[in-house]
């Protein structure tokens, strides 16, 4: 049996289980934390300062461990990837949460693997039959979800969240194929620094600095949520995800895609009293079924190539 097959069938270590819990629970709760931080911190300032601080801390840690700084070309790539994934992806997500519930936002984010599979067609990466079924289910689920009352109440919020999903997916694909970052955590530190700076610049035309100054000081709950996003969401959970990529099958590492929406929707209902209709739950189930099918198709293709 190949090394990949051995890794896939090996029992899960306590470290892998802890990292799975971190990506499931922490990332699933960050969308609720964004909602709380919005009480005092507008979306672009909130996200920009979050990633700027997290990136600076991570870069300092990498330098302390002796990692070299990114090359000028790698900084350029980090600027492009950060603009798409953090500026467009996370910035638009926070902006959309002003008018859409956190649970529905993350339910739509679950379709990101489907968008990435479609974008990969530009590099002639053809999905297999099972992956096409997953893509079709994911797109059907999005169509059903956008017809729900939660999304119909805010057409602008829906459009922004779809743009966020596309920007995050495009940045992810380009980072793999066209815009490689520096190796290891240093690459993600540079991405967070560049994306954070761009988000703080985006806050200027949005008039967020005047709004923040008028409401200063921020509410304690907003500050606590922001700190949670910096240290738990951006540093702890992200590094847990990197450990999963190194020690677990990709399908297992990507399982947050279909666990996070359920956690986020439940937290939104229990803590914020957000309403989710039965039709929206059904649409979310269709999206998650599509994501699971897509990941299973990728796993089958991986083992087929490994055995060849």
Protein backbone atom coordinates (compact mmCIF):
# COMPACT_ATOMS: atom_id res chain seq x y z
CA UNK A 1 0.00 0.00 0.00
CA UNK A 2 1.21 3.52 -0.75
CA UNK A 3 2.29 6.02 1.92
CA UNK A 4 -0.83 8.07 1.27
CA UNK A 5 -3.00 5.03 1.81
CA UNK A 6 -1.22 4.21 5.06
CA UNK A 7 -1.71 7.75 6.32
CA UNK A 8 -5.38 7.68 5.39
CA UNK A 9 -6.03 4.41 7.25
CA UNK A 10 -3.83 5.09 10.31
CA UNK A 11 -5.61 5.74 13.65
CA UNK A 12 -6.03 9.40 14.52
CA UNK A 13 -3.52 10.69 17.06
CA UNK A 14 -4.55 12.95 19.98
CA UNK A 15 -2.83 15.84 18.19
CA UNK A 16 -4.87 15.32 15.01
CA UNK A 17 -8.08 15.03 17.05
CA UNK A 18 -7.25 18.26 18.89
CA UNK A 19 -6.55 20.03 15.61
CA UNK A 20 -9.83 18.77 14.14
CA UNK A 21 -11.69 20.11 17.16
CA UNK A 22 -9.96 23.47 16.73
CA UNK A 23 -10.88 23.86 13.06
CA UNK A 24 -14.44 22.65 13.61
CA UNK A 25 -15.31 24.57 16.79
CA UNK A 26 -13.15 27.69 16.53
CA UNK A 27 -13.70 28.39 12.83
CA UNK A 28 -17.37 27.52 13.24
CA UNK A 29 -17.67 30.16 15.99
CA UNK A 30 -15.67 32.95 14.30
CA UNK A 31 -18.69 34.11 12.29
CA UNK A 32 -20.58 34.71 15.52
CA UNK A 33 -17.53 36.55 16.87
CA UNK A 34 -17.52 38.77 13.75
CA UNK A 35 -21.14 39.63 14.51
CA UNK A 36 -20.23 40.66 18.06
CA UNK A 37 -17.20 42.68 16.94
CA UNK A 38 -19.43 44.59 14.50
CA UNK A 39 -21.12 46.17 17.54
CA UNK A 40 -18.24 48.69 17.68
CA UNK A 41 -15.77 47.83 14.93
CA UNK A 42 -16.84 48.33 11.27
CA UNK A 43 -16.05 45.41 8.93
CA UNK A 44 -12.90 46.63 7.17
CA UNK A 45 -11.28 48.07 10.31
CA UNK A 46 -12.22 44.96 12.26
CA UNK A 47 -10.75 42.54 9.72
CA UNK A 48 -7.77 44.70 8.76
CA UNK A 49 -6.56 45.21 12.34
CA UNK A 50 -7.21 41.54 13.11
CA UNK A 51 -5.04 40.21 10.29
CA UNK A 52 -2.38 42.91 10.69
CA UNK A 53 -1.79 42.00 14.34
CA UNK A 54 -1.99 38.24 13.71
CA UNK A 55 0.41 38.54 10.76
CA UNK A 56 2.90 40.62 12.76
CA UNK A 57 2.87 38.13 15.63
CA UNK A 58 3.29 35.18 13.28
CA UNK A 59 6.10 36.88 11.34
CA UNK A 60 7.90 37.70 14.61
CA UNK A 61 7.58 34.07 15.72
CA UNK A 62 8.93 32.83 12.38
CA UNK A 63 11.91 35.19 12.58
CA UNK A 64 12.58 34.06 16.15
CA UNK A 65 12.67 30.48 14.83
CA UNK A 66 15.19 31.57 12.18
CA UNK A 67 12.93 31.57 9.09
CA UNK A 68 14.08 33.94 6.31
CA UNK A 69 11.92 36.84 5.22
CA UNK A 70 9.97 36.41 1.95
CA UNK A 71 11.67 37.49 -1.25
CA UNK A 72 10.32 40.55 -3.13
CA UNK A 73 8.50 38.22 -5.52
CA UNK A 74 6.94 36.32 -2.61
CA UNK A 75 5.82 39.62 -1.05
CA UNK A 76 4.20 40.51 -4.39
CA UNK A 77 2.41 37.17 -4.45
CA UNK A 78 1.32 37.64 -0.84
CA UNK A 79 -0.16 41.02 -1.77
CA UNK A 80 -2.21 39.44 -4.57
CA UNK A 81 -3.39 36.47 -2.54
CA UNK A 82 -4.07 38.65 0.51
CA UNK A 83 -6.10 41.09 -1.59
CA UNK A 84 -8.34 38.28 -2.84
CA UNK A 85 -8.65 35.97 0.17
CA UNK A 86 -8.59 38.53 2.98
CA UNK A 87 -9.54 41.81 1.31
CA UNK A 88 -12.26 40.39 -0.91
CA UNK A 89 -13.07 37.17 0.95
CA UNK A 90 -13.04 38.09 4.63
CA UNK A 91 -13.71 41.81 4.13
CA UNK A 92 -16.89 41.21 2.13
CA UNK A 93 -17.94 38.47 4.55
CA UNK A 94 -17.78 40.86 7.51
CA UNK A 95 -19.59 43.52 5.48
CA UNK A 96 -22.33 41.05 4.51
CA UNK A 97 -22.85 40.05 8.15
CA UNK A 98 -24.23 43.51 8.80
CA UNK A 99 -27.41 42.48 6.96
CA UNK A 100 -27.33 38.64 6.84
CA UNK A 101 -27.30 36.22 9.78
CA UNK A 102 -23.97 34.59 10.64
CA UNK A 103 -25.45 31.13 10.16
CA UNK A 104 -26.58 31.76 6.60
CA UNK A 105 -23.28 33.43 5.74
CA UNK A 106 -21.26 30.38 6.70
CA UNK A 107 -23.79 28.06 5.05
CA UNK A 108 -23.05 29.80 1.75
CA UNK A 109 -19.29 29.68 2.45
CA UNK A 110 -19.56 25.88 2.47
CA UNK A 111 -19.78 26.00 -1.32
CA UNK A 112 -16.20 27.32 -1.61
CA UNK A 113 -14.74 23.86 -2.49
CA UNK A 114 -17.24 23.67 -5.36
CA UNK A 115 -16.16 27.08 -6.71
CA UNK A 116 -12.50 26.07 -6.41
CA UNK A 117 -13.15 22.90 -8.40
CA UNK A 118 -14.81 24.93 -11.16
CA UNK A 119 -11.99 27.51 -11.23
CA UNK A 120 -9.44 24.71 -11.54
CA UNK A 121 -10.95 23.88 -14.94
CA UNK A 122 -8.92 26.82 -16.28
CA UNK A 123 -5.81 24.72 -15.59
CA UNK A 124 -7.41 21.65 -17.22
CA UNK A 125 -7.99 19.92 -13.89
CA UNK A 126 -11.02 17.86 -14.85
CA UNK A 127 -13.32 16.60 -12.07
CA UNK A 128 -14.26 12.93 -12.14
CA UNK A 129 -17.86 11.74 -12.24
CA UNK A 130 -18.35 11.79 -8.46
CA UNK A 131 -16.86 15.27 -8.23
CA UNK A 132 -19.27 16.53 -10.91
CA UNK A 133 -22.15 15.17 -8.83
CA UNK A 134 -20.80 17.07 -5.82
CA UNK A 135 -20.49 20.28 -7.86
CA UNK A 136 -24.07 19.93 -9.13
CA UNK A 137 -25.42 19.33 -5.61
CA UNK A 138 -23.49 22.32 -4.24
CA UNK A 139 -24.80 24.68 -6.90
CA UNK A 140 -28.34 23.38 -6.43
CA UNK A 141 -28.05 23.97 -2.69
CA UNK A 142 -26.87 27.54 -3.23
CA UNK A 143 -29.82 28.19 -5.55
CA UNK A 144 -32.23 26.86 -2.92
CA UNK A 145 -30.54 28.75 -0.10
CA UNK A 146 -30.64 32.11 -1.87
CA UNK A 147 -34.39 31.73 -2.25
CA UNK A 148 -34.81 31.60 1.53
CA UNK A 149 -36.29 34.52 3.47
CA UNK A 150 -32.99 35.24 5.24
CA UNK A 151 -31.25 36.06 1.97
CA UNK A 152 -34.21 37.67 0.21
CA UNK A 153 -34.26 40.26 3.01
CA UNK A 154 -30.90 41.62 1.83
CA UNK A 155 -30.01 41.39 -1.84
CA UNK A 156 -26.87 43.46 -1.30
CA UNK A 157 -25.74 41.18 1.51
CA UNK A 158 -26.26 38.13 -0.67
CA UNK A 159 -24.30 39.66 -3.56
CA UNK A 160 -21.43 40.59 -1.25
CA UNK A 161 -21.28 37.11 0.23
CA UNK A 162 -21.21 35.50 -3.21
CA UNK A 163 -18.40 37.89 -4.16
CA UNK A 164 -16.57 36.94 -0.95
CA UNK A 165 -16.81 33.23 -1.78
CA UNK A 166 -15.53 33.79 -5.31
CA UNK A 167 -12.62 36.01 -4.16
CA UNK A 168 -11.56 33.51 -1.48
CA UNK A 169 -11.74 30.62 -3.95
CA UNK A 170 -9.81 32.47 -6.67
CA UNK A 171 -7.11 33.50 -4.20
CA UNK A 172 -6.80 29.92 -2.98
CA UNK A 173 -6.42 28.50 -6.49
CA UNK A 174 -3.94 31.19 -7.59
CA UNK A 175 -1.82 30.62 -4.46
CA UNK A 176 -1.50 26.97 -5.48
CA UNK A 177 -0.79 27.49 -9.17
CA UNK A 178 0.35 31.01 -10.02
CA UNK A 179 1.22 33.03 -6.90
CA UNK A 180 3.20 30.75 -4.53
CA UNK A 181 3.86 32.19 -1.08
CA UNK A 182 6.94 31.81 1.10
CA UNK A 183 7.31 28.36 2.66
CA UNK A 184 5.42 27.45 5.81
CA UNK A 185 3.94 29.92 8.31
CA UNK A 186 6.03 32.80 6.90
CA UNK A 187 3.94 32.72 3.74
CA UNK A 188 0.72 33.05 5.67
CA UNK A 189 2.20 35.79 7.87
CA UNK A 190 3.06 37.82 4.77
CA UNK A 191 -0.41 37.18 3.35
CA UNK A 192 -2.08 38.40 6.56
CA UNK A 193 0.12 41.50 6.70
CA UNK A 194 -0.63 42.46 3.10
CA UNK A 195 -4.33 41.65 3.35
CA UNK A 196 -4.62 43.50 6.66
CA UNK A 197 -3.03 46.65 5.25
CA UNK A 198 -5.34 46.55 2.23
CA UNK A 199 -8.43 46.17 4.43
CA UNK A 200 -7.39 49.19 6.53
CA UNK A 201 -7.01 51.18 3.30
CA UNK A 202 -10.46 50.01 2.16
CA UNK A 203 -11.86 51.47 5.37
CA UNK A 204 -10.96 55.01 4.24
CA UNK A 205 -13.44 55.41 1.33
CA UNK A 206 -16.01 53.47 3.36
CA UNK A 207 -15.85 56.20 6.03
CA UNK A 208 -15.21 53.69 8.79
CA UNK A 209 -12.61 55.73 10.71
CA UNK A 210 -15.08 58.55 11.37
CA UNK A 211 -17.71 56.04 12.48
CA UNK A 212 -15.24 54.32 14.81
CA UNK A 213 -14.02 57.60 16.29
CA UNK A 214 -17.58 58.76 16.96
CA UNK A 215 -18.38 55.52 18.83
CA UNK A 216 -15.08 55.31 20.75
CA UNK A 217 -14.35 53.58 23.09
CA UNK A 218 -15.59 50.24 21.71
CA UNK A 219 -17.87 48.03 23.73
CA UNK A 220 -16.07 45.41 25.88
CA UNK A 221 -17.93 42.58 24.10
CA UNK A 222 -16.70 43.84 20.71
CA UNK A 223 -13.10 44.00 21.96
CA UNK A 224 -13.32 40.49 23.42
CA UNK A 225 -14.71 39.16 20.14
CA UNK A 226 -11.93 40.89 18.19
CA UNK A 227 -9.25 39.38 20.44
CA UNK A 228 -10.86 35.97 19.97
CA UNK A 229 -10.68 36.42 16.19
CA UNK A 230 -6.99 37.39 16.37
CA UNK A 231 -5.67 34.69 18.66
CA UNK A 232 -8.13 31.81 18.28
CA UNK A 233 -9.39 32.30 14.74
CA UNK A 234 -6.28 33.61 12.96
CA UNK A 235 -3.45 31.99 14.93
CA UNK A 236 -4.60 28.88 16.83
CA UNK A 237 -7.12 27.43 14.36
CA UNK A 238 -5.06 28.33 11.31
CA UNK A 239 -1.96 26.59 12.64
CA UNK A 240 -4.12 23.60 13.60
CA UNK A 241 -5.26 23.44 9.98
CA UNK A 242 -1.65 23.46 8.80
CA UNK A 243 -0.89 20.53 11.14
CA UNK A 244 -3.85 18.64 9.69
CA UNK A 245 -2.60 19.19 6.14
CA UNK A 246 0.76 17.70 7.17
CA UNK A 247 -0.52 14.76 9.27
CA UNK A 248 -3.98 13.82 7.99
CA UNK A 249 -5.69 13.09 4.64
CA UNK A 250 -6.81 16.20 2.76
CA UNK A 251 -10.42 15.04 2.95
CA UNK A 252 -10.22 14.98 6.75
CA UNK A 253 -8.40 18.31 6.91
CA UNK A 254 -11.12 19.84 4.73
CA UNK A 255 -13.95 18.48 6.86
CA UNK A 256 -14.42 21.92 8.43
CA UNK A 257 -16.23 22.88 5.19
CA UNK A 258 -19.27 20.82 6.16
CA UNK A 259 -18.98 21.02 9.98
CA UNK A 260 -18.63 24.81 10.35
CA UNK A 261 -22.03 25.71 8.82
CA UNK A 262 -23.92 23.49 11.25
CA UNK A 263 -22.00 24.90 14.24
CA UNK A 264 -22.41 28.49 13.08
CA UNK A 265 -26.14 28.13 12.43
CA UNK A 266 -26.72 26.50 15.82
CA UNK A 267 -24.71 29.18 17.64
CA UNK A 268 -26.58 31.93 15.80
CA UNK A 269 -29.91 30.43 16.81
CA UNK A 270 -28.97 29.74 20.44
CA UNK A 271 -27.06 32.94 21.22
CA UNK A 272 -28.39 35.59 18.85
CA UNK A 273 -31.85 34.17 18.26
CA UNK A 274 -31.32 34.08 14.48
CA UNK A 275 -34.15 32.45 12.58
CA UNK A 276 -33.44 29.64 10.13
CA UNK A 277 -36.40 28.28 8.19
CA UNK A 278 -36.85 24.57 7.43
CA UNK A 279 -36.24 25.34 3.76
CA UNK A 280 -32.90 26.99 4.58
CA UNK A 281 -31.89 24.00 6.69
CA UNK A 282 -32.78 21.73 3.76
CA UNK A 283 -30.78 23.87 1.33
CA UNK A 284 -27.81 23.80 3.70
CA UNK A 285 -28.06 20.01 3.84
CA UNK A 286 -27.94 19.86 0.03
CA UNK A 287 -24.82 22.09 -0.01
CA UNK A 288 -23.11 19.94 2.62
CA UNK A 289 -24.00 16.78 0.70
CA UNK A 290 -22.39 18.32 -2.37
CA UNK A 291 -19.22 19.22 -0.47
CA UNK A 292 -18.95 15.73 1.06
CA UNK A 293 -19.49 14.13 -2.37
CA UNK A 294 -16.87 16.41 -3.91
CA UNK A 295 -14.32 15.54 -1.21
CA UNK A 296 -15.05 11.83 -1.60
CA UNK A 297 -14.52 12.16 -5.34
CA UNK A 298 -11.16 13.83 -4.77
CA UNK A 299 -10.18 11.10 -2.32
CA UNK A 300 -11.06 8.38 -4.85
CA UNK A 301 -9.07 10.18 -7.56
CA UNK A 302 -6.11 10.55 -5.19
CA UNK A 303 -6.00 6.84 -4.35
CA UNK A 304 -6.47 5.90 -8.02
CA UNK A 305 -3.42 7.97 -8.97
CA UNK A 306 -1.43 6.62 -6.02
CA UNK A 307 -2.11 3.01 -7.02
CA UNK A 308 -1.30 3.61 -10.68
